C-alpha atoms as a PDB file:
ATOM      1  CA  UNK A   1       7.564  16.695  -9.408  1.00  0.00           C
ATOM      2  CA  UNK A   2       6.849  19.269  -6.702  1.00  0.00           C
ATOM      3  CA  UNK A   3       3.498  20.420  -5.294  1.00  0.00           C
ATOM      4  CA  UNK A   4       2.064  16.963  -4.789  1.00  0.00           C
ATOM      5  CA  UNK A   5      -0.593  16.135  -2.203  1.00  0.00           C
ATOM      6  CA  UNK A   6      -1.116  12.616  -0.857  1.00  0.00           C
ATOM      7  CA  UNK A   7      -3.950  10.874   0.934  1.00  0.00           C
ATOM      8  CA  UNK A   8      -3.471   7.558   2.743  1.00  0.00           C
ATOM      9  CA  UNK A   9      -5.904   4.907   3.905  1.00  0.00           C
ATOM     10  CA  UNK A  10      -4.321   2.455   6.333  1.00  0.00           C
ATOM     11  CA  UNK A  11      -1.561   4.814   7.427  1.00  0.00           C
ATOM     12  CA  UNK A  12      -1.318   3.409  10.954  1.00  0.00           C
ATOM     13  CA  UNK A  13      -0.455  -0.126   9.811  1.00  0.00           C
ATOM     14  CA  UNK A  14       2.927  -1.673   9.084  1.00  0.00           C
ATOM     15  CA  UNK A  15       3.465  -0.441   5.515  1.00  0.00           C
ATOM     16  CA  UNK A  16       1.212   2.578   5.963  1.00  0.00           C
ATOM     17  CA  UNK A  17       3.173   3.839   8.949  1.00  0.00           C
ATOM     18  CA  UNK A  18       6.413   3.673   6.981  1.00  0.00           C
ATOM     19  CA  UNK A  19       4.734   5.368   4.035  1.00  0.00           C
ATOM     20  CA  UNK A  20       3.523   8.277   6.145  1.00  0.00           C
ATOM     21  CA  UNK A  21       7.026   8.874   7.485  1.00  0.00           C
ATOM     22  CA  UNK A  22       8.554   8.719   3.986  1.00  0.00           C
ATOM     23  CA  UNK A  23       6.005  11.187   2.621  1.00  0.00           C
ATOM     24  CA  UNK A  24       6.566  13.628   5.464  1.00  0.00           C
ATOM     25  CA  UNK A  25      10.308  13.839   4.810  1.00  0.00           C
ATOM     26  CA  UNK A  26       9.997  13.915   1.008  1.00  0.00           C
ATOM     27  CA  UNK A  27       9.918  17.533  -0.262  1.00  0.00           C
ATOM     28  CA  UNK A  28       8.007  16.475  -3.392  1.00  0.00           C
ATOM     29  CA  UNK A  29       4.833  16.218  -1.324  1.00  0.00           C
ATOM     30  CA  UNK A  30       3.557  19.459   0.194  1.00  0.00           C
ATOM     31  CA  UNK A  31       0.770  17.904   2.245  1.00  0.00           C
ATOM     32  CA  UNK A  32      -0.303  14.497   3.513  1.00  0.00           C
ATOM     33  CA  UNK A  33      -3.886  13.651   4.454  1.00  0.00           C
ATOM     34  CA  UNK A  34      -4.374  10.595   6.641  1.00  0.00           C
ATOM     35  CA  UNK A  35      -7.720   8.836   7.092  1.00  0.00           C
ATOM     36  CA  UNK A  36      -7.945   7.669  10.703  1.00  0.00           C
ATOM     37  CA  UNK A  37     -10.577   6.392  13.112  1.00  0.00           C
ATOM     38  CA  UNK A  38      -9.105   8.370  16.023  1.00  0.00           C
ATOM     39  CA  UNK A  39      -6.479  11.129  16.519  1.00  0.00           C
ATOM     40  CA  UNK A  40      -2.792  10.249  16.606  1.00  0.00           C
ATOM     41  CA  UNK A  41      -0.502  11.002  19.546  1.00  0.00           C
ATOM     42  CA  UNK A  42       1.837  13.098  17.408  1.00  0.00           C
ATOM     43  CA  UNK A  43       1.589  15.885  14.824  1.00  0.00           C
ATOM     44  CA  UNK A  44       3.529  17.232  11.856  1.00  0.00           C
ATOM     45  CA  UNK A  45       3.253  20.474   9.913  1.00  0.00           C
ATOM     46  CA  UNK A  46       2.586  18.604   6.633  1.00  0.00           C
ATOM     47  CA  UNK A  47       0.102  16.140   8.110  1.00  0.00           C
ATOM     48  CA  UNK A  48      -3.661  16.600   8.348  1.00  0.00           C
ATOM     49  CA  UNK A  49      -5.884  13.946   9.887  1.00  0.00           C
ATOM     50  CA  UNK A  50      -9.354  13.168   8.588  1.00  0.00           C
ATOM     51  CA  UNK A  51     -11.488  11.328  11.143  1.00  0.00           C
ATOM     52  CA  UNK A  52     -13.188   8.665   9.071  1.00  0.00           C
ATOM     53  CA  UNK A  53     -16.243   6.461   9.291  1.00  0.00           C
ATOM     54  CA  UNK A  54     -15.528   3.750   6.734  1.00  0.00           C
ATOM     55  CA  UNK A  55     -19.204   2.944   6.392  1.00  0.00           C
ATOM     56  CA  UNK A  56     -19.779   6.446   4.992  1.00  0.00           C
ATOM     57  CA  UNK A  57     -16.418   7.887   3.917  1.00  0.00           C
ATOM     58  CA  UNK A  58     -17.967  11.312   3.423  1.00  0.00           C
ATOM     59  CA  UNK A  59     -14.919  13.377   4.420  1.00  0.00           C
ATOM     60  CA  UNK A  60     -12.464  13.764   1.562  1.00  0.00           C
ATOM     61  CA  UNK A  61     -10.489  16.808   0.363  1.00  0.00           C
ATOM     62  CA  UNK A  62     -11.752  17.852  -3.057  1.00  0.00           C
ATOM     63  CA  UNK A  63      -9.661  18.948  -6.005  1.00  0.00           C
ATOM     64  CA  UNK A  64      -6.319  19.039  -4.207  1.00  0.00           C
ATOM     65  CA  UNK A  65      -5.086  15.440  -3.870  1.00  0.00           C
ATOM     66  CA  UNK A  66      -2.753  14.133  -6.577  1.00  0.00           C
ATOM     67  CA  UNK A  67      -1.890  10.686  -5.201  1.00  0.00           C
ATOM     68  CA  UNK A  68      -3.930   8.197  -3.155  1.00  0.00           C
ATOM     69  CA  UNK A  69      -2.276   5.323  -1.299  1.00  0.00           C
ATOM     70  CA  UNK A  70      -4.147   2.335   0.144  1.00  0.00           C
ATOM     71  CA  UNK A  71      -2.394   0.110   2.656  1.00  0.00           C
ATOM     72  CA  UNK A  72      -5.522  -1.193   4.360  1.00  0.00           C
ATOM     73  CA  UNK A  73      -5.337  -4.806   5.434  1.00  0.00           C
ATOM     74  CA  UNK A  74      -6.037  -7.256   8.213  1.00  0.00           C
ATOM     75  CA  UNK A  75      -6.016 -10.999   8.858  1.00  0.00           C
ATOM     76  CA  UNK A  76      -8.963 -13.345   9.089  1.00  0.00           C
ATOM     77  CA  UNK A  77      -7.948 -14.077  12.680  1.00  0.00           C
ATOM     78  CA  UNK A  78      -8.001 -10.420  13.654  1.00  0.00           C
ATOM     79  CA  UNK A  79     -11.143  -9.681  11.617  1.00  0.00           C
ATOM     80  CA  UNK A  80     -12.981 -12.578  13.243  1.00  0.00           C
ATOM     81  CA  UNK A  81     -14.686 -13.820  10.091  1.00  0.00           C
ATOM     82  CA  UNK A  82     -14.317 -13.968   6.319  1.00  0.00           C
ATOM     83  CA  UNK A  83     -17.102 -11.414   6.017  1.00  0.00           C
ATOM     84  CA  UNK A  84     -15.277  -8.864   8.196  1.00  0.00           C
ATOM     85  CA  UNK A  85     -12.023  -9.597   6.400  1.00  0.00           C
ATOM     86  CA  UNK A  86     -13.654  -8.764   3.047  1.00  0.00           C
ATOM     87  CA  UNK A  87     -14.918  -5.480   4.491  1.00  0.00           C
ATOM     88  CA  UNK A  88     -11.422  -4.285   5.333  1.00  0.00           C
ATOM     89  CA  UNK A  89      -9.507  -5.786   2.412  1.00  0.00           C
ATOM     90  CA  UNK A  90     -12.086  -5.478  -0.354  1.00  0.00           C
ATOM     91  CA  UNK A  91     -15.024  -3.179   0.380  1.00  0.00           C
ATOM     92  CA  UNK A  92     -13.137  -0.342   2.085  1.00  0.00           C
ATOM     93  CA  UNK A  93     -10.316  -0.113  -0.505  1.00  0.00           C
ATOM     94  CA  UNK A  94     -12.851  -0.084  -3.361  1.00  0.00           C
ATOM     95  CA  UNK A  95     -14.897   2.578  -1.582  1.00  0.00           C
ATOM     96  CA  UNK A  96     -11.754   4.644  -1.032  1.00  0.00           C
ATOM     97  CA  UNK A  97     -10.730   4.281  -4.683  1.00  0.00           C
ATOM     98  CA  UNK A  98     -14.165   5.262  -5.994  1.00  0.00           C
ATOM     99  CA  UNK A  99     -14.300   8.404  -3.866  1.00  0.00           C
ATOM    100  CA  UNK A 100     -10.727   9.284  -4.868  1.00  0.00           C
ATOM    101  CA  UNK A 101     -11.674   8.947  -8.528  1.00  0.00           C
ATOM    102  CA  UNK A 102     -14.792  11.091  -8.028  1.00  0.00           C
ATOM    103  CA  UNK A 103     -12.685  13.791  -6.375  1.00  0.00           C
ATOM    104  CA  UNK A 104     -10.276  13.987  -9.286  1.00  0.00           C
ATOM    105  CA  UNK A 105      -7.307  11.995  -7.935  1.00  0.00           C
ATOM    106  CA  UNK A 106      -5.106  10.945 -10.871  1.00  0.00           C
ATOM    107  CA  UNK A 107      -2.922   8.254  -9.276  1.00  0.00           C
ATOM    108  CA  UNK A 108      -3.837   5.345  -7.006  1.00  0.00           C
ATOM    109  CA  UNK A 109      -1.483   2.857  -5.353  1.00  0.00           C
ATOM    110  CA  UNK A 110      -2.419  -0.228  -3.336  1.00  0.00           C
ATOM    111  CA  UNK A 111      -0.631  -2.972  -1.422  1.00  0.00           C
ATOM    112  CA  UNK A 112      -2.099  -6.434  -1.990  1.00  0.00           C
ATOM    113  CA  UNK A 113      -0.080  -9.649  -1.716  1.00  0.00           C
ATOM    114  CA  UNK A 114       2.097 -12.072  -3.614  1.00  0.00           C
ATOM    115  CA  UNK A 115      -0.183 -14.578  -5.321  1.00  0.00           C
ATOM    116  CA  UNK A 116      -3.175 -12.248  -5.646  1.00  0.00           C
ATOM    117  CA  UNK A 117      -5.658 -13.797  -8.069  1.00  0.00           C
ATOM    118  CA  UNK A 118      -9.463 -13.460  -8.181  1.00  0.00           C
ATOM    119  CA  UNK A 119      -9.638 -17.112  -9.320  1.00  0.00           C
ATOM    120  CA  UNK A 120      -7.390 -18.445  -6.561  1.00  0.00           C
ATOM    121  CA  UNK A 121      -8.570 -21.334  -4.398  1.00  0.00           C
ATOM    122  CA  UNK A 122      -6.947 -19.540  -1.445  1.00  0.00           C
ATOM    123  CA  UNK A 123      -9.503 -17.151   0.057  1.00  0.00           C
ATOM    124  CA  UNK A 124      -6.915 -14.513   1.053  1.00  0.00           C
ATOM    125  CA  UNK A 125      -5.352 -14.397  -2.431  1.00  0.00           C
ATOM    126  CA  UNK A 126      -8.791 -14.425  -4.043  1.00  0.00           C
ATOM    127  CA  UNK A 127      -9.899 -11.319  -2.133  1.00  0.00           C
ATOM    128  CA  UNK A 128      -6.652  -9.528  -2.938  1.00  0.00           C
ATOM    129  CA  UNK A 129      -7.106 -10.371  -6.608  1.00  0.00           C
ATOM    130  CA  UNK A 130     -10.698  -9.141  -6.551  1.00  0.00           C
ATOM    131  CA  UNK A 131      -9.725  -5.753  -5.125  1.00  0.00           C
ATOM    132  CA  UNK A 132      -7.034  -5.337  -7.786  1.00  0.00           C
ATOM    133  CA  UNK A 133      -9.503  -6.172 -10.565  1.00  0.00           C
ATOM    134  CA  UNK A 134     -12.241  -3.860  -9.298  1.00  0.00           C
ATOM    135  CA  UNK A 135     -10.011  -0.824  -8.810  1.00  0.00           C
ATOM    136  CA  UNK A 136      -8.342  -1.335 -12.186  1.00  0.00           C
ATOM    137  CA  UNK A 137     -11.750  -0.727 -13.794  1.00  0.00           C
ATOM    138  CA  UNK A 138     -11.920   2.824 -12.428  1.00  0.00           C
ATOM    139  CA  UNK A 139      -9.462   4.224 -14.939  1.00  0.00           C
ATOM    140  CA  UNK A 140      -6.853   6.069 -12.887  1.00  0.00           C
ATOM    141  CA  UNK A 141      -4.112   7.668 -14.994  1.00  0.00           C
ATOM    142  CA  UNK A 142      -1.608   5.732 -12.915  1.00  0.00           C
ATOM    143  CA  UNK A 143      -2.558   2.609 -10.977  1.00  0.00           C
ATOM    144  CA  UNK A 144       0.138   0.795  -9.021  1.00  0.00           C
ATOM    145  CA  UNK A 145      -0.384  -2.662  -7.518  1.00  0.00           C
ATOM    146  CA  UNK A 146       2.278  -3.805  -5.059  1.00  0.00           C
ATOM    147  CA  UNK A 147       2.424  -7.512  -4.232  1.00  0.00           C
ATOM    148  CA  UNK A 148       4.908  -8.064  -1.410  1.00  0.00           C
ATOM    149  CA  UNK A 149       5.890 -11.423   0.008  1.00  0.00           C
ATOM    150  CA  UNK A 150       6.155 -11.889   3.806  1.00  0.00           C
ATOM    151  CA  UNK A 151       6.445  -8.431   5.359  1.00  0.00           C
ATOM    152  CA  UNK A 152       9.210  -7.618   7.827  1.00  0.00           C
ATOM    153  CA  UNK A 153       8.999  -4.752  10.312  1.00  0.00           C
ATOM    154  CA  UNK A 154       7.906  -3.743  13.795  1.00  0.00           C
ATOM    155  CA  UNK A 155       4.214  -4.432  14.205  1.00  0.00           C
ATOM    156  CA  UNK A 156       2.155  -2.966  17.015  1.00  0.00           C
ATOM    157  CA  UNK A 157       0.496  -6.295  17.620  1.00  0.00           C
ATOM    158  CA  UNK A 158       2.177  -9.681  18.104  1.00  0.00           C
ATOM    159  CA  UNK A 159       1.564 -12.242  15.339  1.00  0.00           C
ATOM    160  CA  UNK A 160       3.100 -15.608  16.196  1.00  0.00           C
ATOM    161  CA  UNK A 161       2.902 -16.991  12.662  1.00  0.00           C
ATOM    162  CA  UNK A 162       4.693 -14.006  11.189  1.00  0.00           C
ATOM    163  CA  UNK A 163       7.359 -14.082  13.901  1.00  0.00           C
ATOM    164  CA  UNK A 164       8.095 -17.699  13.030  1.00  0.00           C
ATOM    165  CA  UNK A 165       8.002 -16.880   9.326  1.00  0.00           C
ATOM    166  CA  UNK A 166      10.456 -14.047   9.842  1.00  0.00           C
ATOM    167  CA  UNK A 167      12.926 -16.353  11.575  1.00  0.00           C
ATOM    168  CA  UNK A 168      12.655 -18.896   8.780  1.00  0.00           C
ATOM    169  CA  UNK A 169      12.969 -16.201   6.118  1.00  0.00           C
ATOM    170  CA  UNK A 170      16.317 -15.131   7.570  1.00  0.00           C
ATOM    171  CA  UNK A 171      17.628 -18.618   6.777  1.00  0.00           C
ATOM    172  CA  UNK A 172      15.800 -19.202   3.513  1.00  0.00           C
ATOM    173  CA  UNK A 173      16.100 -15.804   1.762  1.00  0.00           C
ATOM    174  CA  UNK A 174      19.699 -16.338   0.554  1.00  0.00           C
ATOM    175  CA  UNK A 175      18.629 -19.610  -1.098  1.00  0.00           C
ATOM    176  CA  UNK A 176      15.851 -17.993  -3.123  1.00  0.00           C
ATOM    177  CA  UNK A 177      17.524 -17.059  -6.392  1.00  0.00           C
ATOM    178  CA  UNK A 178      16.398 -16.255  -9.934  1.00  0.00           C
ATOM    179  CA  UNK A 179      12.609 -16.540 -10.341  1.00  0.00           C
ATOM    180  CA  UNK A 180      12.340 -17.524  -6.674  1.00  0.00           C
ATOM    181  CA  UNK A 181      13.599 -14.124  -5.490  1.00  0.00           C
ATOM    182  CA  UNK A 182      10.046 -12.777  -5.346  1.00  0.00           C
ATOM    183  CA  UNK A 183       9.369 -15.161  -2.444  1.00  0.00           C
ATOM    184  CA  UNK A 184      11.987 -13.521  -0.231  1.00  0.00           C
ATOM    185  CA  UNK A 185      10.610 -11.631   2.756  1.00  0.00           C
ATOM    186  CA  UNK A 186      10.705  -7.848   2.382  1.00  0.00           C
ATOM    187  CA  UNK A 187      10.773  -4.938   4.808  1.00  0.00           C
ATOM    188  CA  UNK A 188       7.733  -2.675   5.041  1.00  0.00           C
ATOM    189  CA  UNK A 189       9.920   0.405   4.543  1.00  0.00           C
ATOM    190  CA  UNK A 190      11.100  -0.965   1.196  1.00  0.00           C
ATOM    191  CA  UNK A 191       7.479  -1.448   0.110  1.00  0.00           C
ATOM    192  CA  UNK A 192       6.641   2.108   1.176  1.00  0.00           C
ATOM    193  CA  UNK A 193       9.604   3.552  -0.712  1.00  0.00           C
ATOM    194  CA  UNK A 194       8.726   1.603  -3.850  1.00  0.00           C
ATOM    195  CA  UNK A 195       5.186   3.031  -3.758  1.00  0.00           C
ATOM    196  CA  UNK A 196       6.583   6.512  -3.342  1.00  0.00           C
ATOM    197  CA  UNK A 197       9.062   6.076  -6.185  1.00  0.00           C
ATOM    198  CA  UNK A 198       6.397   4.889  -8.619  1.00  0.00           C
ATOM    199  CA  UNK A 199       4.220   7.839  -7.640  1.00  0.00           C
ATOM    200  CA  UNK A 200       7.151  10.230  -7.986  1.00  0.00           C
ATOM    201  CA  UNK A 201       7.967   8.911 -11.465  1.00  0.00           C
ATOM    202  CA  UNK A 202       4.572  10.012 -12.792  1.00  0.00           C
ATOM    203  CA  UNK A 203       4.578   7.073 -15.215  1.00  0.00           C
ATOM    204  CA  UNK A 204       1.040   6.491 -16.465  1.00  0.00           C
ATOM    205  CA  UNK A 205      -0.722   3.179 -16.938  1.00  0.00           C
ATOM    206  CA  UNK A 206      -1.374   0.113 -14.782  1.00  0.00           C
ATOM    207  CA  UNK A 207       1.671  -1.359 -13.053  1.00  0.00           C
ATOM    208  CA  UNK A 208       1.876  -4.667 -11.184  1.00  0.00           C
ATOM    209  CA  UNK A 209       4.979  -4.693  -9.001  1.00  0.00           C
ATOM    210  CA  UNK A 210       5.882  -8.157  -7.694  1.00  0.00           C
ATOM    211  CA  UNK A 211       7.928  -8.550  -4.524  1.00  0.00           C
ATOM    212  CA  UNK A 212      11.339  -8.929  -6.187  1.00  0.00           C
ATOM    213  CA  UNK A 213      10.717  -5.774  -8.230  1.00  0.00           C
ATOM    214  CA  UNK A 214       9.495  -3.973  -5.093  1.00  0.00           C
ATOM    215  CA  UNK A 215      12.909  -4.676  -3.544  1.00  0.00           C
ATOM    216  CA  UNK A 216      14.648  -2.982  -6.478  1.00  0.00           C
ATOM    217  CA  UNK A 217      12.182  -0.106  -6.853  1.00  0.00           C
ATOM    218  CA  UNK A 218      12.310   0.567  -3.119  1.00  0.00           C
ATOM    219  CA  UNK A 219      16.093   0.723  -2.858  1.00  0.00           C
ATOM    220  CA  UNK A 220      17.793   3.947  -1.815  1.00  0.00           C
ATOM    221  CA  UNK A 221      19.307   4.417  -5.288  1.00  0.00           C
ATOM    222  CA  UNK A 222      16.145   3.697  -7.302  1.00  0.00           C
ATOM    223  CA  UNK A 223      14.953   7.267  -7.812  1.00  0.00           C
ATOM    224  CA  UNK A 224      17.921   8.113  -9.998  1.00  0.00           C
ATOM    225  CA  UNK A 225      17.119   5.263 -12.390  1.00  0.00           C
ATOM    226  CA  UNK A 226      13.332   4.941 -12.373  1.00  0.00           C
ATOM    227  CA  UNK A 227      12.951   4.986 -16.144  1.00  0.00           C
ATOM    228  CA  UNK A 228      14.779   1.670 -16.353  1.00  0.00           C
ATOM    229  CA  UNK A 229      13.103   0.092 -13.322  1.00  0.00           C
ATOM    230  CA  UNK A 230       9.410   0.561 -14.095  1.00  0.00           C
END
């Protein structure tokens, strides 16, 4: 599984940031391209930044990328409107996936959300379901959909609702057993590792990974038993 090259959209966010760090320390990936709006304050020998205008997305390495990861996402509050939210969570990921497919990328992995459903009455879940459905039509050899529950981790910005949710999750998580386990909160690093492990496995087809399965697939011991986990 050596000589892999990754490209990431959304690599400065919560899950994306963890994913970048995991890729940089994993010897299976020789190079990591990161689509960014502005330069980072740090560098790495394996990392190459691509300054990106999401309205055009005309800068993309051709014929070298094996795995594309999309961790783009925002909130309606931060986006300012439903229209802007759909740009970031629907239009940009689809644009990224289409260009990746055109450039010969074989595997595509995206983070959506628990409850994603294009027919949902909840706008957020509806958009997440729509992006899953649209990208699945592109025909990647491997397409991984990751649907985490409430994400834990150190965000750059303060989100009051998620801080409260995190406190409640600490109390509620142990009570969520059996089929309710997928509603447990999950750390962003675990999500990142689960994406990496599915990519590393090379298992073809479309895979929907719910939050409870993400927790197992993203564990430190998962890579030695991937055939039984996917």
